[in-house]
Amino acid sequence: MLIRCLPFFFAALLAACGVAPTADDEYRNPILHADYSDPDAIRVGDKYYLVSSSFNSAPGLPLLESPDMVNWTLVGHALPQQVPLDVFALPQHGKGVWAPCLRYHDGKFWIFYPDPDFGIYVITATSFAGPWSAPRLLLAGKGLIDPTPLWDDDGQAYLLHALAKSRAGFNNVLTLRRMKPDASGMLDDAGRVVIDANKLPGYTTLEGPKFYKRDGYYYVFAPAGGVEQGWQSVFRSRSIDGPYEVRIVLAQGASAVNGPHQGAWVQTPQGEDWFFHFQDKRAYGRVVHLQPMRWRDGWPVIGEDVAGSGTGQPVARHRKPVAGYASTAPATSDEFDGAALGLQWQWNANWRPEWYALDGGRLRLFGQPRAGNLWDVPSLLLQKLPAESFTVTTKLDVSGMADGGDAGLVMYGLDYAWLGVRRADGKSRLALVNCHKANAKCRENEEAGVALTSPQVWLRMQVRVGGVTRFSYSYDDRAYTPIGAPFTAAMGRWVGAQMGLFSASNGAAAVGHIDIDHFRVTPD
């Protein structure tokens, strides 16, 4: 799929994408107020690279690049379609691409990513933006998650991974396996549990490891305690097989940042150390923070060590790792005036070319069949929420809709709401529709509706702190009429809420279409 990244046309859009105004030499957390879940990051030369989980969305494995660890640009996706292709032809909520690991070795980029139902895949590329190789199943098995490779000084290669209790029947352990140096296969039939957190008081759900070596020690950075209440631990040993000592190096402390953990240790060319991690913010997803890091007595100290105990807490602001770069952020708005969709867009499942067309500065979405609510509809065109507060405005032409069609602007999650047009008996109606507990097959409820007086209509969605969303419409893009009660955005399965567009046919065949002139995101 040809996808491109659109430039920002207005500097104010940076605020809508989570880039906070600070002094030139400071940054403010989160550095990415968007659902770049389970981030892993590396430096190659003087550039920084980041990947994240993408679960059921396609394309998957977003690729972000930065000159300074603070300002990020979305440059592509490593996975055009999810494999196996037939499985992901329908939405597989909470499945697909879990926490990936990004590395640079032997002159190329590597991503090791898990699918908890199939195993651990590996892909490579000589250029970070791609193209990337087709996924190769390195290690098959249910419940194998969160892989992290290590190429040792003697040329030996290893793979460390966690396990998902939902598939494997147990978790809270990290397993080490020997791997061929070219990652073409494994060298042992079964792994060895080298870290068993069941033996550590208070530890639950040890997962998300990242494997490093420094000054003769093997270090495993791994979170525990769960995404909303957890912490970041570090394990170390002189032997790769252990035994490993452990220390909690980052916790919430007196900060407002819950569950700070799971990310990556990155070092600048000058030798300064930094740590990326996420914070779970429910409807906003898992947003990305950056913490200063230093070493004390062979242990990392992350964030602000208020008590001098070695366990830091997240900082809200800090000096930038690299000064002098202008504010940038992943794109959000799309004018649909090029040959490809903006990189910010992902479909709800493996996409098909007949779902849409770009022509003459507009996006045409063809009405795809659905049998129930939107939960299992693959052809939803979605993107991440970019900030706590923002406004989305889109212009629709619905003159091509057919009877039985629904189309519009959606705030999507386990609960969802959409404002759009319903076509029946030759008449078009503007409707605000909601559905609560979509995964439990809720029936859509039309909360409010009015007759549509023109085939061209502007739809607006204003999102405020807490995900409180208000819908309105206009026939001239000047005077907007509110419709219905506020809706509170809800997270999806392991992901934050998503916003976007859809065109559906309430029948067995694809019929009709809508044309979208633009999708504009502006700051609060």
Protein backbone atom coordinates (compact mmCIF):
# COMPACT_ATOMS: atom_id res chain seq x y z
CA MET A 1 0.00 0.00 0.00
CA LEU A 2 1.37 3.38 -0.93
CA ILE A 3 1.25 5.59 2.14
CA ARG A 4 2.94 8.87 2.67
CA CYS A 5 3.48 11.35 5.46
CA LEU A 6 1.89 14.73 4.89
CA PRO A 7 3.69 17.85 6.09
CA PHE A 8 2.15 20.10 8.70
CA PHE A 9 0.61 23.16 7.18
CA PHE A 10 0.11 25.00 10.44
CA ALA A 11 2.57 25.20 13.31
CA ALA A 12 -0.33 25.08 15.75
CA LEU A 13 -0.98 21.50 14.76
CA LEU A 14 2.07 20.51 16.79
CA ALA A 15 0.06 21.06 19.95
CA ALA A 16 -2.64 18.73 18.63
CA CYS A 17 0.02 16.08 18.15
CA GLY A 18 1.25 16.20 21.70
CA VAL A 19 4.26 18.50 21.22
CA ALA A 20 4.18 20.81 24.20
CA PRO A 21 5.64 24.34 24.05
CA THR A 22 8.72 24.57 26.30
CA ALA A 23 11.92 26.53 26.51
CA ASP A 24 14.20 25.78 23.59
CA ASP A 25 16.48 23.62 25.70
CA GLU A 26 13.71 21.71 27.54
CA TYR A 27 11.14 19.06 26.71
CA ARG A 28 7.96 18.14 28.54
CA ASN A 29 6.60 14.62 29.03
CA PRO A 30 4.98 12.80 27.42
CA ILE A 31 7.10 13.34 24.33
CA LEU A 32 4.46 11.49 22.27
CA HIS A 33 0.92 11.88 23.58
CA ALA A 34 -0.34 9.11 21.33
CA ASP A 35 -0.72 5.34 21.54
CA TYR A 36 2.78 4.23 20.54
CA SER A 37 2.52 1.28 22.87
CA ASP A 38 5.46 -0.80 24.16
CA PRO A 39 8.08 1.45 22.55
CA ASP A 40 11.56 0.25 21.70
CA ALA A 41 14.22 2.66 20.49
CA ILE A 42 17.83 2.64 19.32
CA ARG A 43 20.43 5.07 17.99
CA VAL A 44 22.36 4.51 14.76
CA GLY A 45 24.91 7.24 14.07
CA ASP A 46 23.32 10.51 15.08
CA LYS A 47 19.69 9.46 14.48
CA TYR A 48 17.20 7.77 16.77
CA TYR A 49 14.65 5.18 15.72
CA LEU A 50 11.53 3.89 17.46
CA VAL A 51 8.98 1.13 16.87
CA SER A 52 5.88 0.15 18.81
CA SER A 53 3.13 -2.43 19.07
CA SER A 54 0.26 -2.20 16.61
CA PHE A 55 -1.95 -5.18 17.53
CA ASN A 56 -4.66 -5.82 14.87
CA SER A 57 -4.15 -2.64 12.81
CA ALA A 58 -2.77 -2.71 9.27
CA PRO A 59 -0.31 -1.53 8.20
CA GLY A 60 1.48 -2.50 11.40
CA LEU A 61 4.72 -1.80 13.24
CA PRO A 62 4.95 2.01 12.95
CA LEU A 63 8.43 3.39 12.26
CA LEU A 64 9.42 6.72 13.84
CA GLU A 65 12.63 8.69 13.41
CA SER A 66 14.11 11.57 15.44
CA PRO A 67 17.24 13.73 15.53
CA ASP A 68 16.99 14.35 19.29
CA MET A 69 14.76 11.72 20.99
CA VAL A 70 12.05 14.38 21.56
CA ASN A 71 10.74 15.36 18.11
CA TRP A 72 9.53 12.38 16.10
CA THR A 73 8.39 11.84 12.52
CA LEU A 74 6.40 8.84 11.35
CA VAL A 75 8.28 7.53 8.31
CA GLY A 76 6.46 4.30 7.52
CA HIS A 77 5.33 0.89 8.71
CA ALA A 78 7.43 -2.26 8.65
CA LEU A 79 4.44 -4.56 8.12
CA PRO A 80 2.16 -3.68 5.18
CA GLN A 81 -0.24 -6.50 6.02
CA GLN A 82 -0.55 -8.82 9.02
CA VAL A 83 0.30 -12.48 8.70
CA PRO A 84 -1.26 -14.96 8.32
CA LEU A 85 -3.15 -12.92 5.75
CA ASP A 86 -6.41 -14.87 5.98
CA VAL A 87 -6.55 -14.69 9.77
CA PHE A 88 -6.18 -10.91 9.79
CA ALA A 89 -8.67 -10.35 6.98
CA LEU A 90 -11.10 -9.73 9.86
CA PRO A 91 -10.37 -7.64 12.96
CA GLN A 92 -8.46 -9.57 15.62
CA HIS A 93 -8.77 -7.14 18.50
CA GLY A 94 -5.96 -7.41 21.05
CA LYS A 95 -4.09 -9.89 18.88
CA GLY A 96 -1.45 -9.46 16.18
CA VAL A 97 1.69 -7.43 16.82
CA TRP A 98 2.60 -7.26 20.51
CA ALA A 99 5.74 -5.63 21.97
CA PRO A 100 8.48 -5.53 19.30
CA CYS A 101 12.24 -5.23 19.71
CA LEU A 102 14.31 -3.03 17.38
CA ARG A 103 18.02 -3.61 16.87
CA TYR A 104 20.81 -2.64 14.45
CA HIS A 105 23.31 -5.43 13.79
CA ASP A 106 25.55 -6.55 10.96
CA GLY A 107 24.74 -3.48 8.85
CA LYS A 108 20.95 -3.75 8.97
CA PHE A 109 17.90 -3.06 11.09
CA TRP A 110 16.11 -5.95 12.76
CA ILE A 111 12.65 -6.15 14.30
CA PHE A 112 11.72 -9.16 16.40
CA TYR A 113 8.00 -9.11 17.11
CA PRO A 114 5.61 -11.54 18.77
CA ASP A 115 2.17 -12.70 17.84
CA PRO A 116 0.88 -14.44 20.99
CA ASP A 117 -1.10 -16.96 18.93
CA PHE A 118 1.61 -17.94 16.45
CA GLY A 119 5.06 -17.16 17.83
CA ILE A 120 8.00 -14.84 17.29
CA TYR A 121 8.69 -13.32 13.88
CA VAL A 122 11.77 -11.53 12.56
CA ILE A 123 12.08 -8.98 9.74
CA THR A 124 15.07 -6.95 8.49
CA ALA A 125 15.82 -3.88 6.37
CA THR A 126 18.92 -2.01 5.22
CA SER A 127 16.99 1.28 5.39
CA PHE A 128 14.82 1.98 8.42
CA ALA A 129 11.97 3.39 6.32
CA GLY A 130 11.97 0.15 4.35
CA PRO A 131 11.29 -1.91 2.45
CA TRP A 132 11.36 -4.58 5.15
CA SER A 133 11.63 -8.30 4.49
CA ALA A 134 8.57 -10.53 4.71
CA PRO A 135 7.96 -11.83 8.25
CA ARG A 136 9.71 -15.11 9.00
CA LEU A 137 8.46 -17.23 11.89
CA LEU A 138 11.60 -17.69 13.96
CA LEU A 139 10.05 -19.50 16.91
CA ALA A 140 6.58 -21.02 16.74
CA GLY A 141 4.43 -21.42 19.82
CA LYS A 142 1.43 -20.04 21.67
CA GLY A 143 2.11 -17.50 24.35
CA LEU A 144 5.67 -16.59 23.30
CA ILE A 145 5.88 -12.81 23.64
CA ASP A 146 8.21 -9.84 24.03
CA PRO A 147 11.37 -11.17 22.34
CA THR A 148 14.74 -9.46 22.70
CA PRO A 149 17.92 -10.70 20.99
CA LEU A 150 21.51 -10.32 22.13
CA TRP A 151 24.56 -10.89 19.95
CA ASP A 152 27.36 -11.58 22.41
CA ASP A 153 31.04 -10.60 22.16
CA ASP A 154 32.06 -14.18 21.23
CA GLY A 155 29.71 -14.31 18.24
CA GLN A 156 27.03 -16.34 19.99
CA ALA A 157 23.42 -15.16 19.69
CA TYR A 158 20.57 -15.47 22.15
CA LEU A 159 16.87 -14.72 22.36
CA LEU A 160 15.15 -13.85 25.62
CA HIS A 161 11.35 -13.75 25.80
CA ALA A 162 8.39 -13.64 28.16
CA LEU A 163 5.20 -15.69 28.17
CA ALA A 164 1.53 -14.72 28.07
CA LYS A 165 -0.57 -16.57 30.64
CA SER A 166 -3.66 -16.29 28.43
CA ARG A 167 -2.02 -18.63 25.91
CA ALA A 168 0.81 -20.47 27.68
CA GLY A 169 -1.03 -21.03 30.96
CA PHE A 170 1.68 -19.30 33.02
CA ASN A 171 3.75 -16.12 33.03
CA ASN A 172 6.03 -14.03 35.28
CA VAL A 173 9.16 -15.75 33.95
CA LEU A 174 11.78 -14.91 31.30
CA THR A 175 13.16 -17.68 29.11
CA LEU A 176 16.53 -17.72 27.35
CA ARG A 177 17.21 -19.59 24.09
CA ARG A 178 20.24 -19.96 21.84
CA MET A 179 19.73 -18.53 18.35
CA LYS A 180 21.61 -18.80 15.08
CA PRO A 181 23.62 -15.58 14.61
CA ASP A 182 21.70 -14.74 11.44
CA ALA A 183 18.37 -15.36 13.24
CA SER A 184 17.45 -18.00 10.68
CA GLY A 185 16.51 -20.44 13.41
CA MET A 186 17.00 -21.57 16.97
CA LEU A 187 19.81 -23.80 18.28
CA ASP A 188 17.95 -25.49 21.13
CA ASP A 189 14.67 -27.32 21.46
CA ALA A 190 13.60 -25.66 24.68
CA GLY A 191 14.54 -22.54 26.55
CA ARG A 192 15.82 -22.12 30.09
CA VAL A 193 14.01 -19.97 32.63
CA VAL A 194 16.77 -17.60 33.75
CA ILE A 195 14.57 -15.15 35.67
CA ASP A 196 11.62 -16.47 37.70
CA ALA A 197 9.73 -13.54 39.21
CA ASN A 198 7.44 -15.93 41.07
CA LYS A 199 10.32 -16.19 43.53
CA LEU A 200 10.39 -12.42 44.05
CA PRO A 201 8.01 -10.96 46.69
CA GLY A 202 5.29 -8.81 45.19
CA TYR A 203 6.19 -9.47 41.55
CA THR A 204 3.44 -10.18 39.03
CA THR A 205 3.40 -10.14 35.25
CA LEU A 206 7.12 -9.80 34.55
CA GLU A 207 7.30 -9.16 30.80
CA GLY A 208 8.64 -6.83 28.09
CA PRO A 209 12.37 -7.57 28.58
CA LYS A 210 15.15 -5.73 26.76
CA PHE A 211 18.59 -7.42 26.75
CA TYR A 212 21.86 -5.44 26.92
CA LYS A 213 25.51 -5.95 27.86
CA ARG A 214 27.69 -3.37 29.63
CA ASP A 215 31.04 -3.60 31.38
CA GLY A 216 30.94 -7.37 31.57
CA TYR A 217 27.38 -7.51 32.98
CA TYR A 218 24.31 -8.84 31.22
CA TYR A 219 21.39 -6.51 31.91
CA VAL A 220 17.72 -7.27 31.46
CA PHE A 221 15.42 -4.25 31.67
CA ALA A 222 11.93 -5.63 32.35
CA PRO A 223 8.66 -4.21 33.71
CA ALA A 224 6.40 -5.92 36.21
CA GLY A 225 3.16 -5.27 38.05
CA GLY A 226 0.88 -4.54 35.10
CA VAL A 227 0.49 -1.66 32.68
CA GLU A 228 -1.47 0.68 34.96
CA GLN A 229 0.18 0.07 38.35
CA GLY A 230 3.56 -1.43 37.49
CA TRP A 231 7.21 -0.44 37.71
CA GLN A 232 10.50 -0.89 35.88
CA SER A 233 13.03 -3.41 37.14
CA VAL A 234 16.56 -4.18 36.01
CA PHE A 235 18.26 -7.55 36.42
CA ARG A 236 22.01 -8.10 36.09
CA SER A 237 24.43 -10.99 36.07
CA ARG A 238 28.04 -11.72 35.14
CA SER A 239 26.78 -14.88 33.40
CA ILE A 240 24.12 -14.89 30.71
CA ASP A 241 22.56 -17.92 32.41
CA GLY A 242 22.34 -16.12 35.76
CA PRO A 243 21.76 -15.98 38.62
CA TYR A 244 20.46 -12.42 38.22
CA GLU A 245 20.31 -9.73 40.87
CA VAL A 246 17.34 -7.36 40.69
CA ARG A 247 16.56 -3.77 41.52
CA ILE A 248 13.47 -1.59 40.93
CA VAL A 249 14.85 1.45 39.10
CA LEU A 250 11.70 3.41 38.19
CA ALA A 251 8.29 3.70 39.90
CA GLN A 252 5.49 6.25 40.12
CA GLY A 253 6.64 7.67 43.45
CA ALA A 254 5.14 11.10 44.10
CA SER A 255 4.65 11.78 40.38
CA ALA A 256 1.36 11.73 38.48
CA VAL A 257 2.68 9.13 36.03
CA ASN A 258 1.11 5.75 36.78
CA GLY A 259 2.74 2.47 35.80
CA PRO A 260 5.94 3.92 34.32
CA HIS A 261 7.68 1.05 32.56
CA GLN A 262 8.55 -0.98 29.45
CA GLY A 263 10.76 0.74 26.99
CA ALA A 264 14.37 1.16 25.98
CA TRP A 265 17.78 2.34 27.12
CA VAL A 266 19.43 4.62 24.53
CA GLN A 267 22.80 6.37 24.65
CA THR A 268 23.84 9.53 22.80
CA PRO A 269 27.12 9.68 20.85
CA GLN A 270 28.48 11.72 23.77
CA GLY A 271 27.73 8.89 26.21
CA GLU A 272 24.63 10.30 27.94
CA ASP A 273 22.00 7.72 28.88
CA TRP A 274 18.24 8.00 28.45
CA PHE A 275 15.26 5.72 28.96
CA PHE A 276 11.97 5.57 27.03
CA HIS A 277 8.86 4.14 28.69
CA PHE A 278 5.10 4.29 28.37
CA GLN A 279 2.25 5.39 30.62
CA ASP A 280 -1.18 3.84 30.20
CA LYS A 281 -3.80 6.60 29.84
CA ARG A 282 -6.84 4.45 29.05
CA ALA A 283 -8.70 6.10 26.16
CA TYR A 284 -5.52 7.89 25.03
CA GLY A 285 -3.56 4.64 24.95
CA ARG A 286 0.01 4.11 26.08
CA VAL A 287 1.80 7.42 25.68
CA VAL A 288 5.59 7.74 25.50
CA HIS A 289 7.83 9.41 28.09
CA LEU A 290 11.57 10.07 28.09
CA GLN A 291 13.64 9.96 31.27
CA PRO A 292 17.23 10.94 32.00
CA MET A 293 19.29 7.97 33.13
CA ARG A 294 22.67 7.56 34.80
CA TRP A 295 24.72 4.74 36.31
CA ARG A 296 25.56 4.28 39.97
CA ASP A 297 27.51 1.28 41.27
CA GLY A 298 26.73 -0.70 38.14
CA TRP A 299 22.98 -0.02 38.26
CA PRO A 300 20.91 2.39 36.16
CA VAL A 301 19.11 5.20 37.97
CA ILE A 302 16.16 6.47 35.90
CA GLY A 303 14.31 9.76 36.31
CA GLU A 304 14.53 11.72 39.55
CA ASP A 305 15.96 9.77 42.48
CA VAL A 306 14.34 11.85 45.22
CA ALA A 307 15.27 9.64 48.17
CA GLY A 308 18.65 8.52 46.87
CA SER A 309 17.48 4.91 47.00
CA GLY A 310 18.26 4.04 43.39
CA THR A 311 14.56 3.94 42.48
CA GLY A 312 13.70 7.00 40.42
CA GLN A 313 10.38 8.60 39.59
CA PRO A 314 9.35 10.18 36.27
CA VAL A 315 10.28 13.77 35.52
CA ALA A 316 7.76 16.17 34.02
CA ARG A 317 10.32 18.39 32.29
CA HIS A 318 14.00 18.09 31.57
CA ARG A 319 16.84 19.40 29.48
CA LYS A 320 16.68 18.03 25.93
CA PRO A 321 19.16 15.30 25.02
CA VAL A 322 20.09 17.24 21.88
CA ALA A 323 19.32 20.94 21.49
CA GLY A 324 18.57 22.98 18.40
CA TYR A 325 15.89 21.04 16.55
CA ALA A 326 12.47 22.41 15.61
CA SER A 327 9.33 20.83 17.01
CA THR A 328 7.89 18.04 14.91
CA ALA A 329 5.38 15.25 15.52
CA PRO A 330 3.63 12.45 13.61
CA ALA A 331 1.11 13.78 11.10
CA THR A 332 -2.61 13.81 11.88
CA SER A 333 -4.43 15.93 9.27
CA ASP A 334 -4.88 14.75 5.70
CA GLU A 335 -6.07 16.82 2.74
CA PHE A 336 -6.26 13.70 0.53
CA ASP A 337 -4.59 15.61 -2.29
CA GLY A 338 -1.88 13.10 -3.16
CA ALA A 339 -1.51 9.61 -4.52
CA ALA A 340 -1.51 7.89 -1.11
CA LEU A 341 -3.07 8.13 2.31
CA GLY A 342 -1.10 9.80 5.09
CA LEU A 343 1.05 7.47 7.16
CA GLN A 344 -1.09 8.12 10.23
CA TRP A 345 -3.91 5.99 8.85
CA GLN A 346 -4.38 2.33 9.72
CA TRP A 347 -7.21 -0.02 8.86
CA ASN A 348 -9.06 -2.20 11.38
CA ALA A 349 -7.73 -5.35 9.67
CA ASN A 350 -5.77 -6.26 6.54
CA TRP A 351 -6.86 -3.71 3.95
CA ARG A 352 -8.10 -4.29 0.42
CA PRO A 353 -7.53 -1.84 -2.46
CA GLU A 354 -11.20 -1.82 -3.45
CA TRP A 355 -12.17 -0.20 -0.16
CA TYR A 356 -11.08 3.28 -1.20
CA ALA A 357 -9.77 5.57 -3.94
CA LEU A 358 -7.90 8.86 -3.98
CA ASP A 359 -8.81 11.17 -6.82
CA GLY A 360 -8.81 14.91 -7.36
CA GLY A 361 -8.10 15.93 -3.79
CA ARG A 362 -10.67 13.70 -2.16
CA LEU A 363 -10.89 10.30 -0.51
CA ARG A 364 -13.67 8.02 -1.72
CA LEU A 365 -14.75 5.30 0.71
CA PHE A 366 -16.93 2.59 -0.77
CA GLY A 367 -19.71 1.21 1.43
CA GLN A 368 -18.46 -2.16 2.71
CA PRO A 369 -20.95 -4.72 4.02
CA ARG A 370 -21.47 -5.26 7.72
CA ALA A 371 -23.75 -7.61 9.64
CA GLY A 372 -23.77 -5.98 13.07
CA ASN A 373 -22.08 -3.08 14.83
CA LEU A 374 -18.69 -1.68 13.79
CA TRP A 375 -16.56 -3.90 16.06
CA ASP A 376 -15.95 -6.58 13.44
CA VAL A 377 -15.86 -4.29 10.39
CA PRO A 378 -12.36 -4.43 8.84
CA SER A 379 -12.72 -1.38 6.57
CA LEU A 380 -12.65 1.31 9.28
CA LEU A 381 -9.98 3.92 8.50
CA LEU A 382 -8.52 4.94 11.85
CA GLN A 383 -5.69 6.78 13.58
CA LYS A 384 -4.45 7.43 17.11
CA LEU A 385 -5.67 10.23 19.36
CA PRO A 386 -2.85 12.82 19.21
CA ALA A 387 -3.38 14.87 22.39
CA GLU A 388 -5.60 15.33 25.43
CA SER A 389 -7.61 18.10 23.74
CA PHE A 390 -8.13 18.72 20.04
CA THR A 391 -10.78 19.18 17.35
CA VAL A 392 -11.37 17.17 14.19
CA THR A 393 -13.27 18.60 11.24
CA THR A 394 -14.09 16.71 8.07
CA LYS A 395 -16.19 17.51 5.00
CA LEU A 396 -18.36 14.82 3.43
CA ASP A 397 -20.21 14.59 0.14
CA VAL A 398 -22.83 11.86 0.50
CA SER A 399 -24.53 12.18 -2.89
CA GLY A 400 -23.12 8.75 -3.84
CA MET A 401 -24.61 6.88 -0.90
CA ALA A 402 -27.05 4.04 -1.57
CA ASP A 403 -30.02 2.91 0.47
CA GLY A 404 -28.91 0.91 3.48
CA GLY A 405 -25.70 2.91 3.84
CA ASP A 406 -24.18 4.45 6.96
CA ALA A 407 -21.08 6.66 6.86
CA GLY A 408 -19.34 9.29 8.92
CA LEU A 409 -16.86 10.35 11.57
CA VAL A 410 -16.22 7.87 14.38
CA MET A 411 -14.65 7.77 17.84
CA TYR A 412 -13.91 4.08 18.15
CA GLY A 413 -13.24 1.74 21.07
CA LEU A 414 -15.00 -0.80 23.27
CA ASP A 415 -17.65 1.92 23.39
CA TYR A 416 -17.95 4.02 20.24
CA ALA A 417 -19.94 6.88 18.78
CA TRP A 418 -20.24 8.26 15.27
CA LEU A 419 -21.81 11.24 13.62
CA GLY A 420 -22.74 10.76 10.01
CA VAL A 421 -25.38 10.05 7.44
CA ARG A 422 -27.90 7.21 7.17
CA ARG A 423 -29.56 6.57 3.82
CA ALA A 424 -32.88 4.72 3.64
CA ASP A 425 -35.93 4.83 1.35
CA GLY A 426 -34.25 7.39 -0.86
CA LYS A 427 -33.77 9.86 2.00
CA SER A 428 -30.67 10.91 3.92
CA ARG A 429 -30.63 11.53 7.64
CA LEU A 430 -27.91 13.04 9.82
CA ALA A 431 -27.52 10.79 12.87
CA LEU A 432 -25.51 10.57 16.08
CA VAL A 433 -25.14 6.90 16.92
CA ASN A 434 -23.52 5.17 19.89
CA CYS A 435 -22.79 1.60 20.89
CA HIS A 436 -21.61 0.53 24.35
CA LYS A 437 -19.69 -2.72 24.86
CA ALA A 438 -19.18 -3.19 21.15
CA ASN A 439 -17.19 -6.40 21.73
CA ALA A 440 -20.29 -7.84 23.43
CA LYS A 441 -22.32 -7.26 20.25
CA CYS A 442 -24.18 -4.17 21.45
CA ARG A 443 -26.81 -2.82 19.09
CA GLU A 444 -26.28 0.67 17.76
CA ASN A 445 -28.49 3.35 19.26
CA GLU A 446 -29.42 6.47 17.31
CA GLU A 447 -29.25 9.09 20.04
CA ALA A 448 -30.19 12.06 17.87
CA GLY A 449 -30.99 12.75 14.24
CA VAL A 450 -32.26 15.35 11.79
CA ALA A 451 -33.08 15.38 8.10
CA LEU A 452 -30.07 16.15 5.92
CA THR A 453 -30.72 19.27 3.86
CA SER A 454 -27.63 19.14 1.63
CA PRO A 455 -25.45 16.31 0.27
CA GLN A 456 -22.40 18.23 1.48
CA VAL A 457 -21.92 18.47 5.23
CA TRP A 458 -19.11 19.29 7.64
CA LEU A 459 -18.80 17.08 10.71
CA ARG A 460 -16.90 18.10 13.82
CA MET A 461 -15.65 16.23 16.87
CA GLN A 462 -14.27 18.21 19.82
CA VAL A 463 -12.25 16.13 22.28
CA ARG A 464 -11.41 17.44 25.73
CA VAL A 465 -9.55 16.16 28.79
CA GLY A 466 -10.73 12.70 29.75
CA GLY A 467 -11.77 11.90 26.20
CA VAL A 468 -15.05 13.81 26.53
CA THR A 469 -16.22 14.16 22.93
CA ARG A 470 -18.84 16.54 21.56
CA PHE A 471 -20.19 16.26 18.03
CA SER A 472 -21.58 19.02 15.79
CA TYR A 473 -22.33 19.66 12.13
CA SER A 474 -22.46 22.52 9.66
CA TYR A 475 -23.53 23.26 6.10
CA ASP A 476 -21.09 26.14 5.60
CA ASP A 477 -18.08 25.40 7.90
CA ARG A 478 -18.90 28.54 9.89
CA ALA A 479 -21.94 27.95 12.06
CA TYR A 480 -21.85 24.56 13.80
CA THR A 481 -24.87 22.97 15.45
CA PRO A 482 -24.23 20.66 18.42
CA ILE A 483 -26.01 17.32 18.33
CA GLY A 484 -26.64 14.86 21.14
CA ALA A 485 -24.98 14.54 24.53
CA PRO A 486 -21.21 14.37 25.13
CA PHE A 487 -19.66 10.94 24.62
CA THR A 488 -16.67 9.69 26.63
CA ALA A 489 -14.09 7.94 24.48
CA ALA A 490 -13.18 4.42 25.58
CA MET A 491 -10.09 2.33 25.06
CA GLY A 492 -10.12 -0.70 22.80
CA ARG A 493 -8.55 -4.11 23.43
CA TRP A 494 -4.97 -3.27 24.58
CA VAL A 495 -5.13 -0.02 22.60
CA GLY A 496 -6.41 3.49 23.12
CA ALA A 497 -9.47 4.86 21.41
CA GLN A 498 -9.09 5.60 17.70
CA MET A 499 -10.70 8.23 15.52
CA GLY A 500 -11.47 8.08 11.85
CA LEU A 501 -13.87 7.51 8.99
CA PHE A 502 -16.06 4.72 7.67
CA SER A 503 -18.58 3.86 4.98
CA ALA A 504 -20.74 0.79 5.54
CA SER A 505 -23.52 -1.04 3.79
CA ASN A 506 -26.11 -2.80 5.92
CA GLY A 507 -26.39 -5.68 3.50
CA ALA A 508 -24.43 -8.49 1.92
CA ALA A 509 -22.78 -6.44 -0.83
CA ALA A 510 -20.68 -3.28 -1.06
CA VAL A 511 -22.85 -0.45 -2.36
CA GLY A 512 -22.55 3.31 -2.63
CA HIS A 513 -19.75 5.59 -1.51
CA ILE A 514 -18.92 8.84 0.23
CA ASP A 515 -16.30 11.44 -0.72
CA ILE A 516 -14.19 13.10 1.97
CA ASP A 517 -12.55 16.41 1.15
CA HIS A 518 -10.29 16.60 4.18
CA PHE A 519 -9.64 15.41 7.74
CA ARG A 520 -8.22 18.30 9.80
CA VAL A 521 -6.94 18.14 13.35
CA THR A 522 -6.50 21.41 15.22
CA PRO A 523 -5.40 22.17 18.79
CA ASP A 524 -7.70 23.00 21.66
